[in-house]
Amino acid sequence: MKFILTLCLLFLGACTSLSTVSLTSIPAQRTKTVRAEVSKTIFLGFNFDNDYVDDLENQLKNKCPNGVISGILTKDEIIDYFIMIVWKHHIVATGYCNKGTNTAMNGEKL
């Protein structure tokens, strides 16, 4: 009985870890904050592509259509639901939208 209870507790536990954080230069003018996030659930470590991340840039551009986004902070979190069986990659990008020409995020990459 103790073995089954211990096994259940192991599989019902979850933990979160922050893999990477990156930050571009923060502008002096910070008028509007924009935020975008994407996530993907992965089973048994089988992740065949990272195409879901491409939507992050499009989300930011749509939230600042006539401006320049700078001061971008990205966070890559890994949430492990069942000990190396199911986990989720969750990526959040936050930046500042300022008036300017309609350039592709002022040349900055995520």
PDB file of N, CA and C in Angstrom:
ATOM      1  N   MET A   1       0.824  -1.187   0.000  1.00  0.00           N
ATOM      2  CA  MET A   1       0.000   0.000   0.000  1.00  0.00           C
ATOM      3  C   MET A   1       0.875   1.260   0.000  1.00  0.00           C
ATOM      4  N   LYS A   2       1.955   1.245   0.804  1.00  0.00           N
ATOM      5  CA  LYS A   2       2.846   2.401   0.844  1.00  0.00           C
ATOM      6  C   LYS A   2       3.519   2.618  -0.502  1.00  0.00           C
ATOM      7  N   PHE A   3       3.844   1.536  -1.173  1.00  0.00           N
ATOM      8  CA  PHE A   3       4.489   1.629  -2.473  1.00  0.00           C
ATOM      9  C   PHE A   3       3.565   2.322  -3.484  1.00  0.00           C
ATOM     10  N   ILE A   4       2.305   1.949  -3.497  1.00  0.00           N
ATOM     11  CA  ILE A   4       1.348   2.538  -4.427  1.00  0.00           C
ATOM     12  C   ILE A   4       1.139   4.019  -4.104  1.00  0.00           C
ATOM     13  N   LEU A   5       1.040   4.350  -2.840  1.00  0.00           N
ATOM     14  CA  LEU A   5       0.883   5.744  -2.434  1.00  0.00           C
ATOM     15  C   LEU A   5       2.099   6.574  -2.828  1.00  0.00           C
ATOM     16  N   THR A   6       3.283   6.040  -2.617  1.00  0.00           N
ATOM     17  CA  THR A   6       4.514   6.735  -2.996  1.00  0.00           C
ATOM     18  C   THR A   6       4.584   6.923  -4.503  1.00  0.00           C
ATOM     19  N   LEU A   7       4.217   5.904  -5.251  1.00  0.00           N
ATOM     20  CA  LEU A   7       4.229   5.976  -6.706  1.00  0.00           C
ATOM     21  C   LEU A   7       3.239   7.030  -7.200  1.00  0.00           C
ATOM     22  N   CYS A   8       2.070   7.084  -6.597  1.00  0.00           N
ATOM     23  CA  CYS A   8       1.068   8.088  -6.971  1.00  0.00           C
ATOM     24  C   CYS A   8       1.572   9.498  -6.690  1.00  0.00           C
ATOM     25  N   LEU A   9       2.199   9.685  -5.568  1.00  0.00           N
ATOM     26  CA  LEU A   9       2.724  11.013  -5.223  1.00  0.00           C
ATOM     27  C   LEU A   9       3.820  11.448  -6.192  1.00  0.00           C
ATOM     28  N   LEU A  10       4.642  10.515  -6.626  1.00  0.00           N
ATOM     29  CA  LEU A  10       5.692  10.841  -7.581  1.00  0.00           C
ATOM     30  C   LEU A  10       5.110  11.283  -8.914  1.00  0.00           C
ATOM     31  N   PHE A  11       4.066  10.616  -9.365  1.00  0.00           N
ATOM     32  CA  PHE A  11       3.497  10.938 -10.663  1.00  0.00           C
ATOM     33  C   PHE A  11       2.533  12.114 -10.621  1.00  0.00           C
ATOM     34  N   LEU A  12       2.045  12.476  -9.464  1.00  0.00           N
ATOM     35  CA  LEU A  12       1.142  13.608  -9.364  1.00  0.00           C
ATOM     36  C   LEU A  12       1.872  14.905  -9.055  1.00  0.00           C
ATOM     37  N   GLY A  13       3.133  14.826  -8.743  1.00  0.00           N
ATOM     38  CA  GLY A  13       3.914  16.032  -8.450  1.00  0.00           C
ATOM     39  C   GLY A  13       4.295  16.753  -9.727  1.00  0.00           C
ATOM     40  N   ALA A  14       4.506  18.047  -9.618  1.00  0.00           N
ATOM     41  CA  ALA A  14       4.930  18.847 -10.760  1.00  0.00           C
ATOM     42  C   ALA A  14       5.948  19.869 -10.275  1.00  0.00           C
ATOM     43  N   CYS A  15       6.825  20.251 -11.171  1.00  0.00           N
ATOM     44  CA  CYS A  15       7.784  21.288 -10.826  1.00  0.00           C
ATOM     45  C   CYS A  15       7.999  22.186 -12.031  1.00  0.00           C
ATOM     46  N   THR A  16       8.451  23.383 -11.777  1.00  0.00           N
ATOM     47  CA  THR A  16       8.699  24.358 -12.831  1.00  0.00           C
ATOM     48  C   THR A  16      10.126  24.853 -12.720  1.00  0.00           C
ATOM     49  N   SER A  17      10.775  24.977 -13.863  1.00  0.00           N
ATOM     50  CA  SER A  17      12.122  25.536 -13.863  1.00  0.00           C
ATOM     51  C   SER A  17      12.219  26.574 -14.967  1.00  0.00           C
ATOM     52  N   LEU A  18      13.015  27.582 -14.734  1.00  0.00           N
ATOM     53  CA  LEU A  18      13.238  28.638 -15.704  1.00  0.00           C
ATOM     54  C   LEU A  18      14.543  28.336 -16.417  1.00  0.00           C
ATOM     55  N   SER A  19      14.445  28.054 -17.710  1.00  0.00           N
ATOM     56  CA  SER A  19      15.628  27.656 -18.468  1.00  0.00           C
ATOM     57  C   SER A  19      16.490  28.846 -18.835  1.00  0.00           C
ATOM     58  N   THR A  20      15.914  29.771 -19.570  1.00  0.00           N
ATOM     59  CA  THR A  20      16.708  30.899 -20.048  1.00  0.00           C
ATOM     60  C   THR A  20      15.934  32.195 -19.916  1.00  0.00           C
ATOM     61  N   VAL A  21      16.657  33.254 -19.763  1.00  0.00           N
ATOM     62  CA  VAL A  21      16.093  34.599 -19.759  1.00  0.00           C
ATOM     63  C   VAL A  21      17.010  35.450 -20.622  1.00  0.00           C
ATOM     64  N   SER A  22      16.417  36.247 -21.504  1.00  0.00           N
ATOM     65  CA  SER A  22      17.222  37.169 -22.302  1.00  0.00           C
ATOM     66  C   SER A  22      16.552  38.527 -22.293  1.00  0.00           C
ATOM     67  N   LEU A  23      17.344  39.560 -22.417  1.00  0.00           N
ATOM     68  CA  LEU A  23      16.837  40.928 -22.367  1.00  0.00           C
ATOM     69  C   LEU A  23      17.607  41.775 -23.363  1.00  0.00           C
ATOM     70  N   THR A  24      16.863  42.497 -24.225  1.00  0.00           N
ATOM     71  CA  THR A  24      17.505  43.445 -25.133  1.00  0.00           C
ATOM     72  C   THR A  24      17.573  44.795 -24.421  1.00  0.00           C
ATOM     73  N   SER A  25      18.219  45.761 -25.031  1.00  0.00           N
ATOM     74  CA  SER A  25      18.390  47.061 -24.375  1.00  0.00           C
ATOM     75  C   SER A  25      17.032  47.731 -24.138  1.00  0.00           C
ATOM     76  N   ILE A  26      16.880  48.305 -22.954  1.00  0.00           N
ATOM     77  CA  ILE A  26      15.626  48.937 -22.549  1.00  0.00           C
ATOM     78  C   ILE A  26      15.628  50.381 -23.029  1.00  0.00           C
ATOM     79  N   PRO A  27      14.554  50.795 -23.722  1.00  0.00           N
ATOM     80  CA  PRO A  27      14.512  52.174 -24.246  1.00  0.00           C
ATOM     81  C   PRO A  27      14.228  53.194 -23.143  1.00  0.00           C
ATOM     82  N   ALA A  28      14.630  54.426 -23.390  1.00  0.00           N
ATOM     83  CA  ALA A  28      14.347  55.495 -22.438  1.00  0.00           C
ATOM     84  C   ALA A  28      12.849  55.810 -22.423  1.00  0.00           C
ATOM     85  N   GLN A  29      12.225  55.780 -23.582  1.00  0.00           N
ATOM     86  CA  GLN A  29      10.784  55.991 -23.703  1.00  0.00           C
ATOM     87  C   GLN A  29      10.079  54.643 -23.590  1.00  0.00           C
ATOM     88  N   ARG A  30       9.228  54.510 -22.596  1.00  0.00           N
ATOM     89  CA  ARG A  30       8.499  53.248 -22.409  1.00  0.00           C
ATOM     90  C   ARG A  30       7.013  53.575 -22.275  1.00  0.00           C
ATOM     91  N   THR A  31       6.341  53.725 -23.423  1.00  0.00           N
ATOM     92  CA  THR A  31       4.955  54.181 -23.386  1.00  0.00           C
ATOM     93  C   THR A  31       3.958  53.029 -23.237  1.00  0.00           C
ATOM     94  N   LYS A  32       4.122  51.963 -23.981  1.00  0.00           N
ATOM     95  CA  LYS A  32       3.135  50.879 -23.981  1.00  0.00           C
ATOM     96  C   LYS A  32       3.842  49.533 -23.860  1.00  0.00           C
ATOM     97  N   THR A  33       3.385  48.713 -22.930  1.00  0.00           N
ATOM     98  CA  THR A  33       3.952  47.376 -22.762  1.00  0.00           C
ATOM     99  C   THR A  33       3.157  46.385 -23.596  1.00  0.00           C
ATOM    100  N   VAL A  34       3.871  45.517 -24.320  1.00  0.00           N
ATOM    101  CA  VAL A  34       3.232  44.451 -25.095  1.00  0.00           C
ATOM    102  C   VAL A  34       3.753  43.115 -24.593  1.00  0.00           C
ATOM    103  N   ARG A  35       2.886  42.099 -24.659  1.00  0.00           N
ATOM    104  CA  ARG A  35       3.242  40.782 -24.137  1.00  0.00           C
ATOM    105  C   ARG A  35       2.694  39.714 -25.069  1.00  0.00           C
ATOM    106  N   ALA A  36       3.480  38.676 -25.276  1.00  0.00           N
ATOM    107  CA  ALA A  36       3.058  37.537 -26.082  1.00  0.00           C
ATOM    108  C   ALA A  36       3.559  36.263 -25.417  1.00  0.00           C
ATOM    109  N   GLU A  37       2.811  35.187 -25.583  1.00  0.00           N
ATOM    110  CA  GLU A  37       3.248  33.920 -25.009  1.00  0.00           C
ATOM    111  C   GLU A  37       2.786  32.751 -25.865  1.00  0.00           C
ATOM    112  N   VAL A  38       3.611  31.731 -25.887  1.00  0.00           N
ATOM    113  CA  VAL A  38       3.305  30.488 -26.595  1.00  0.00           C
ATOM    114  C   VAL A  38       3.718  29.329 -25.703  1.00  0.00           C
ATOM    115  N   SER A  39       3.121  28.179 -25.946  1.00  0.00           N
ATOM    116  CA  SER A  39       3.511  26.990 -25.185  1.00  0.00           C
ATOM    117  C   SER A  39       3.270  25.740 -26.020  1.00  0.00           C
ATOM    118  N   LYS A  40       3.936  24.683 -25.625  1.00  0.00           N
ATOM    119  CA  LYS A  40       3.808  23.396 -26.316  1.00  0.00           C
ATOM    120  C   LYS A  40       3.962  22.286 -25.292  1.00  0.00           C
ATOM    121  N   THR A  41       3.046  21.316 -25.351  1.00  0.00           N
ATOM    122  CA  THR A  41       3.114  20.152 -24.474  1.00  0.00           C
ATOM    123  C   THR A  41       3.923  19.064 -25.170  1.00  0.00           C
ATOM    124  N   ILE A  42       4.826  18.444 -24.422  1.00  0.00           N
ATOM    125  CA  ILE A  42       5.719  17.423 -24.975  1.00  0.00           C
ATOM    126  C   ILE A  42       5.534  16.134 -24.187  1.00  0.00           C
ATOM    127  N   PHE A  43       5.368  15.020 -24.903  1.00  0.00           N
ATOM    128  CA  PHE A  43       5.205  13.715 -24.287  1.00  0.00           C
ATOM    129  C   PHE A  43       6.463  12.879 -24.492  1.00  0.00           C
ATOM    130  N   LEU A  44       6.969  12.303 -23.442  1.00  0.00           N
ATOM    131  CA  LEU A  44       8.112  11.385 -23.468  1.00  0.00           C
ATOM    132  C   LEU A  44       9.339  11.975 -24.153  1.00  0.00           C
ATOM    133  N   GLY A  45       9.460  13.279 -24.185  1.00  0.00           N
ATOM    134  CA  GLY A  45      10.633  13.918 -24.761  1.00  0.00           C
ATOM    135  C   GLY A  45      10.645  13.993 -26.272  1.00  0.00           C
ATOM    136  N   PHE A  46       9.551  13.617 -26.927  1.00  0.00           N
ATOM    137  CA  PHE A  46       9.489  13.643 -28.391  1.00  0.00           C
ATOM    138  C   PHE A  46       9.024  15.013 -28.861  1.00  0.00           C
ATOM    139  N   ASN A  47       9.975  15.880 -29.154  1.00  0.00           N
ATOM    140  CA  ASN A  47       9.693  17.221 -29.661  1.00  0.00           C
ATOM    141  C   ASN A  47      10.291  17.303 -31.059  1.00  0.00           C
ATOM    142  N   PHE A  48       9.442  17.270 -32.060  1.00  0.00           N
ATOM    143  CA  PHE A  48       9.933  17.188 -33.427  1.00  0.00           C
ATOM    144  C   PHE A  48      10.188  18.542 -34.075  1.00  0.00           C
ATOM    145  N   ASP A  49       9.631  19.606 -33.528  1.00  0.00           N
ATOM    146  CA  ASP A  49       9.887  20.933 -34.081  1.00  0.00           C
ATOM    147  C   ASP A  49       9.658  22.009 -33.022  1.00  0.00           C
ATOM    148  N   ASN A  50      10.167  23.168 -33.307  1.00  0.00           N
ATOM    149  CA  ASN A  50       9.984  24.321 -32.428  1.00  0.00           C
ATOM    150  C   ASN A  50       9.266  25.445 -33.163  1.00  0.00           C
ATOM    151  N   ASP A  51       8.442  25.078 -34.141  1.00  0.00           N
ATOM    152  CA  ASP A  51       7.745  26.070 -34.958  1.00  0.00           C
ATOM    153  C   ASP A  51       6.776  26.926 -34.154  1.00  0.00           C
ATOM    154  N   TYR A  52       6.336  26.433 -33.020  1.00  0.00           N
ATOM    155  CA  TYR A  52       5.398  27.200 -32.204  1.00  0.00           C
ATOM    156  C   TYR A  52       6.002  28.522 -31.724  1.00  0.00           C
ATOM    157  N   VAL A  53       7.308  28.615 -31.672  1.00  0.00           N
ATOM    158  CA  VAL A  53       7.985  29.831 -31.214  1.00  0.00           C
ATOM    159  C   VAL A  53       7.856  30.953 -32.247  1.00  0.00           C
ATOM    160  N   ASP A  54       7.707  30.598 -33.530  1.00  0.00           N
ATOM    161  CA  ASP A  54       7.603  31.613 -34.576  1.00  0.00           C
ATOM    162  C   ASP A  54       6.395  32.522 -34.368  1.00  0.00           C
ATOM    163  N   ASP A  55       5.352  32.026 -33.736  1.00  0.00           N
ATOM    164  CA  ASP A  55       4.156  32.820 -33.509  1.00  0.00           C
ATOM    165  C   ASP A  55       4.400  33.942 -32.500  1.00  0.00           C
ATOM    166  N   LEU A  56       5.412  33.809 -31.696  1.00  0.00           N
ATOM    167  CA  LEU A  56       5.726  34.817 -30.679  1.00  0.00           C
ATOM    168  C   LEU A  56       6.024  36.175 -31.320  1.00  0.00           C
ATOM    169  N   GLU A  57       6.837  36.180 -32.341  1.00  0.00           N
ATOM    170  CA  GLU A  57       7.193  37.420 -33.040  1.00  0.00           C
ATOM    171  C   GLU A  57       5.963  38.043 -33.691  1.00  0.00           C
ATOM    172  N   ASN A  58       5.121  37.212 -34.325  1.00  0.00           N
ATOM    173  CA  ASN A  58       3.919  37.731 -34.974  1.00  0.00           C
ATOM    174  C   ASN A  58       2.947  38.339 -33.959  1.00  0.00           C
ATOM    175  N   GLN A  59       2.820  37.720 -32.806  1.00  0.00           N
ATOM    176  CA  GLN A  59       1.950  38.266 -31.762  1.00  0.00           C
ATOM    177  C   GLN A  59       2.426  39.651 -31.321  1.00  0.00           C
ATOM    178  N   LEU A  60       3.740  39.786 -31.134  1.00  0.00           N
ATOM    179  CA  LEU A  60       4.279  41.092 -30.722  1.00  0.00           C
ATOM    180  C   LEU A  60       4.065  42.148 -31.801  1.00  0.00           C
ATOM    181  N   LYS A  61       4.299  41.791 -33.058  1.00  0.00           N
ATOM    182  CA  LYS A  61       4.111  42.743 -34.155  1.00  0.00           C
ATOM    183  C   LYS A  61       2.655  43.178 -34.256  1.00  0.00           C
ATOM    184  N   ASN A  62       1.725  42.243 -34.054  1.00  0.00           N
ATOM    185  CA  ASN A  62       0.299  42.589 -34.141  1.00  0.00           C
ATOM    186  C   ASN A  62      -0.136  43.514 -33.012  1.00  0.00           C
ATOM    187  N   LYS A  63       0.520  43.453 -31.881  1.00  0.00           N
ATOM    188  CA  LYS A  63       0.173  44.313 -30.755  1.00  0.00           C
ATOM    189  C   LYS A  63       0.810  45.703 -30.861  1.00  0.00           C
ATOM    190  N   CYS A  64       1.730  45.865 -31.810  1.00  0.00           N
ATOM    191  CA  CYS A  64       2.403  47.149 -32.020  1.00  0.00           C
ATOM    192  C   CYS A  64       2.558  47.378 -33.529  1.00  0.00           C
ATOM    193  N   PRO A  65       1.439  47.546 -34.247  1.00  0.00           N
ATOM    194  CA  PRO A  65       1.505  47.579 -35.713  1.00  0.00           C
ATOM    195  C   PRO A  65       2.233  48.781 -36.300  1.00  0.00           C
ATOM    196  N   ASN A  66       2.195  49.921 -35.668  1.00  0.00           N
ATOM    197  CA  ASN A  66       2.815  51.128 -36.233  1.00  0.00           C
ATOM    198  C   ASN A  66       3.934  51.655 -35.353  1.00  0.00           C
ATOM    199  N   GLY A  67       4.589  50.785 -34.667  1.00  0.00           N
ATOM    200  CA  GLY A  67       5.644  51.229 -33.762  1.00  0.00           C
ATOM    201  C   GLY A  67       6.860  50.338 -33.794  1.00  0.00           C
ATOM    202  N   VAL A  68       7.740  50.599 -32.856  1.00  0.00           N
ATOM    203  CA  VAL A  68       8.981  49.855 -32.719  1.00  0.00           C
ATOM    204  C   VAL A  68       8.965  49.163 -31.361  1.00  0.00           C
ATOM    205  N   ILE A  69       9.252  47.868 -31.351  1.00  0.00           N
ATOM    206  CA  ILE A  69       9.298  47.120 -30.098  1.00  0.00           C
ATOM    207  C   ILE A  69      10.752  46.975 -29.668  1.00  0.00           C
ATOM    208  N   SER A  70      11.032  47.345 -28.425  1.00  0.00           N
ATOM    209  CA  SER A  70      12.388  47.196 -27.894  1.00  0.00           C
ATOM    210  C   SER A  70      12.293  46.860 -26.417  1.00  0.00           C
ATOM    211  N   GLY A  71      13.423  46.578 -25.816  1.00  0.00           N
ATOM    212  CA  GLY A  71      13.437  46.180 -24.417  1.00  0.00           C
ATOM    213  C   GLY A  71      12.730  44.855 -24.211  1.00  0.00           C
ATOM    214  N   ILE A  72      12.973  43.907 -25.096  1.00  0.00           N
ATOM    215  CA  ILE A  72      12.255  42.628 -25.065  1.00  0.00           C
ATOM    216  C   ILE A  72      12.885  41.692 -24.035  1.00  0.00           C
ATOM    217  N   LEU A  73      12.050  41.230 -23.122  1.00  0.00           N
ATOM    218  CA  LEU A  73      12.448  40.243 -22.119  1.00  0.00           C
ATOM    219  C   LEU A  73      11.775  38.927 -22.474  1.00  0.00           C
ATOM    220  N   THR A  74      12.557  37.877 -22.690  1.00  0.00           N
ATOM    221  CA  THR A  74      11.985  36.562 -22.981  1.00  0.00           C
ATOM    222  C   THR A  74      12.324  35.610 -21.852  1.00  0.00           C
ATOM    223  N   LYS A  75      11.349  34.766 -21.508  1.00  0.00           N
ATOM    224  CA  LYS A  75      11.545  33.751 -20.477  1.00  0.00           C
ATOM    225  C   LYS A  75      11.097  32.402 -21.024  1.00  0.00           C
ATOM    226  N   ASP A  76      11.921  31.403 -20.889  1.00  0.00           N
ATOM    227  CA  ASP A  76      11.621  30.045 -21.319  1.00  0.00           C
ATOM    228  C   ASP A  76      11.455  29.184 -20.077  1.00  0.00           C
ATOM    229  N   GLU A  77      10.226  28.802 -19.780  1.00  0.00           N
ATOM    230  CA  GLU A  77       9.925  28.001 -18.597  1.00  0.00           C
ATOM    231  C   GLU A  77       9.619  26.567 -19.020  1.00  0.00           C
ATOM    232  N   ILE A  78      10.056  25.631 -18.216  1.00  0.00           N
ATOM    233  CA  ILE A  78       9.733  24.222 -18.439  1.00  0.00           C
ATOM    234  C   ILE A  78       8.950  23.736 -17.233  1.00  0.00           C
ATOM    235  N   ILE A  79       7.750  23.258 -17.495  1.00  0.00           N
ATOM    236  CA  ILE A  79       6.884  22.752 -16.434  1.00  0.00           C
ATOM    237  C   ILE A  79       6.803  21.237 -16.597  1.00  0.00           C
ATOM    238  N   ASP A  80       7.282  20.509 -15.606  1.00  0.00           N
ATOM    239  CA  ASP A  80       7.303  19.046 -15.646  1.00  0.00           C
ATOM    240  C   ASP A  80       6.124  18.524 -14.827  1.00  0.00           C
ATOM    241  N   TYR A  81       5.154  17.919 -15.518  1.00  0.00           N
ATOM    242  CA  TYR A  81       3.949  17.457 -14.848  1.00  0.00           C
ATOM    243  C   TYR A  81       4.094  16.064 -14.253  1.00  0.00           C
ATOM    244  N   PHE A  82       4.596  15.136 -15.030  1.00  0.00           N
ATOM    245  CA  PHE A  82       4.761  13.755 -14.572  1.00  0.00           C
ATOM    246  C   PHE A  82       6.185  13.341 -14.889  1.00  0.00           C
ATOM    247  N   ILE A  83       6.988  13.193 -13.901  1.00  0.00           N
ATOM    248  CA  ILE A  83       8.412  12.887 -13.965  1.00  0.00           C
ATOM    249  C   ILE A  83       8.884  12.401 -15.341  1.00  0.00           C
ATOM    250  N   MET A  84       9.304  13.341 -16.152  1.00  0.00           N
ATOM    251  CA  MET A  84       9.875  13.109 -17.483  1.00  0.00           C
ATOM    252  C   MET A  84       8.933  12.377 -18.437  1.00  0.00           C
ATOM    253  N   ILE A  85       7.630  12.426 -18.192  1.00  0.00           N
ATOM    254  CA  ILE A  85       6.676  11.825 -19.122  1.00  0.00           C
ATOM    255  C   ILE A  85       5.952  12.924 -19.886  1.00  0.00           C
ATOM    256  N   VAL A  86       5.432  13.910 -19.180  1.00  0.00           N
ATOM    257  CA  VAL A  86       4.720  15.028 -19.797  1.00  0.00           C
ATOM    258  C   VAL A  86       5.285  16.321 -19.239  1.00  0.00           C
ATOM    259  N   TRP A  87       5.673  17.208 -20.126  1.00  0.00           N
ATOM    260  CA  TRP A  87       6.075  18.541 -19.690  1.00  0.00           C
ATOM    261  C   TRP A  87       5.684  19.561 -20.742  1.00  0.00           C
ATOM    262  N   LYS A  88       5.729  20.818 -20.355  1.00  0.00           N
ATOM    263  CA  LYS A  88       5.315  21.888 -21.242  1.00  0.00           C
ATOM    264  C   LYS A  88       6.395  22.961 -21.291  1.00  0.00           C
ATOM    265  N   HIS A  89       6.714  23.389 -22.497  1.00  0.00           N
ATOM    266  CA  HIS A  89       7.578  24.558 -22.690  1.00  0.00           C
ATOM    267  C   HIS A  89       6.662  25.758 -22.810  1.00  0.00           C
ATOM    268  N   HIS A  90       6.909  26.766 -22.008  1.00  0.00           N
ATOM    269  CA  HIS A  90       6.096  27.979 -22.006  1.00  0.00           C
ATOM    270  C   HIS A  90       7.048  29.164 -22.163  1.00  0.00           C
ATOM    271  N   ILE A  91       6.869  29.921 -23.235  1.00  0.00           N
ATOM    272  CA  ILE A  91       7.757  31.041 -23.527  1.00  0.00           C
ATOM    273  C   ILE A  91       6.949  32.327 -23.495  1.00  0.00           C
ATOM    274  N   VAL A  92       7.445  33.308 -22.766  1.00  0.00           N
ATOM    275  CA  VAL A  92       6.778  34.603 -22.619  1.00  0.00           C
ATOM    276  C   VAL A  92       7.752  35.695 -23.067  1.00  0.00           C
ATOM    277  N   ALA A  93       7.269  36.601 -23.896  1.00  0.00           N
ATOM    278  CA  ALA A  93       8.068  37.752 -24.334  1.00  0.00           C
ATOM    279  C   ALA A  93       7.317  39.027 -23.987  1.00  0.00           C
ATOM    280  N   THR A  94       7.997  39.950 -23.341  1.00  0.00           N
ATOM    281  CA  THR A  94       7.421  41.238 -22.971  1.00  0.00           C
ATOM    282  C   THR A  94       8.349  42.330 -23.481  1.00  0.00           C
ATOM    283  N   GLY A  95       7.770  43.365 -24.059  1.00  0.00           N
ATOM    284  CA  GLY A  95       8.581  44.462 -24.577  1.00  0.00           C
ATOM    285  C   GLY A  95       7.824  45.767 -24.510  1.00  0.00           C
ATOM    286  N   TYR A  96       8.432  46.817 -25.040  1.00  0.00           N
ATOM    287  CA  TYR A  96       7.842  48.141 -25.041  1.00  0.00           C
ATOM    288  C   TYR A  96       7.593  48.584 -26.472  1.00  0.00           C
ATOM    289  N   CYS A  97       6.365  49.026 -26.745  1.00  0.00           N
ATOM    290  CA  CYS A  97       5.989  49.528 -28.064  1.00  0.00           C
ATOM    291  C   CYS A  97       6.051  51.050 -28.019  1.00  0.00           C
ATOM    292  N   ASN A  98       6.895  51.608 -28.846  1.00  0.00           N
ATOM    293  CA  ASN A  98       7.034  53.061 -28.926  1.00  0.00           C
ATOM    294  C   ASN A  98       6.738  53.519 -30.347  1.00  0.00           C
ATOM    295  N   LYS A  99       6.330  54.783 -30.479  1.00  0.00           N
ATOM    296  CA  LYS A  99       6.065  55.341 -31.798  1.00  0.00           C
ATOM    297  C   LYS A  99       7.348  55.323 -32.607  1.00  0.00           C
ATOM    298  N   GLY A 100       7.179  55.034 -33.876  1.00  0.00           N
ATOM    299  CA  GLY A 100       8.334  55.008 -34.754  1.00  0.00           C
ATOM    300  C   GLY A 100       7.918  54.470 -36.104  1.00  0.00           C
ATOM    301  N   THR A 101       8.890  54.224 -36.948  1.00  0.00           N
ATOM    302  CA  THR A 101       8.582  53.669 -38.252  1.00  0.00           C
ATOM    303  C   THR A 101       8.214  52.207 -38.104  1.00  0.00           C
ATOM    304  N   ASN A 102       7.496  51.700 -39.050  1.00  0.00           N
ATOM    305  CA  ASN A 102       7.038  50.318 -39.011  1.00  0.00           C
ATOM    306  C   ASN A 102       8.176  49.396 -39.460  1.00  0.00           C
ATOM    307  N   THR A 103       9.123  49.162 -38.590  1.00  0.00           N
ATOM    308  CA  THR A 103      10.234  48.275 -38.892  1.00  0.00           C
ATOM    309  C   THR A 103      10.008  46.956 -38.169  1.00  0.00           C
ATOM    310  N   ALA A 104      10.698  45.956 -38.611  1.00  0.00           N
ATOM    311  CA  ALA A 104      10.570  44.622 -38.005  1.00  0.00           C
ATOM    312  C   ALA A 104      11.255  44.618 -36.671  1.00  0.00           C
ATOM    313  N   MET A 105      10.567  45.103 -35.660  1.00  0.00           N
ATOM    314  CA  MET A 105      11.050  45.074 -34.277  1.00  0.00           C
ATOM    315  C   MET A 105      12.399  45.754 -34.119  1.00  0.00           C
ATOM    316  N   ASN A 106      12.640  46.801 -34.931  1.00  0.00           N
ATOM    317  CA  ASN A 106      13.842  47.596 -34.819  1.00  0.00           C
ATOM    318  C   ASN A 106      15.103  46.750 -35.050  1.00  0.00           C
ATOM    319  N   GLY A 107      14.975  45.690 -35.850  1.00  0.00           N
ATOM    320  CA  GLY A 107      16.112  44.847 -36.168  1.00  0.00           C
ATOM    321  C   GLY A 107      16.483  43.876 -35.071  1.00  0.00           C
ATOM    322  N   GLU A 108      15.742  43.835 -33.972  1.00  0.00           N
ATOM    323  CA  GLU A 108      16.088  42.943 -32.875  1.00  0.00           C
ATOM    324  C   GLU A 108      15.440  41.575 -33.066  1.00  0.00           C
ATOM    325  N   LYS A 109      16.163  40.564 -32.721  1.00  0.00           N
ATOM    326  CA  LYS A 109      15.649  39.187 -32.795  1.00  0.00           C
ATOM    327  C   LYS A 109      15.260  38.722 -31.415  1.00  0.00           C
ATOM    328  N   LEU A 110      14.274  37.841 -31.352  1.00  0.00           N
ATOM    329  CA  LEU A 110      13.857  37.261 -30.075  1.00  0.00           C
ATOM    330  C   LEU A 110      14.843  36.214 -29.645  1.00  0.00           C
TER     331      LEU A 110
END
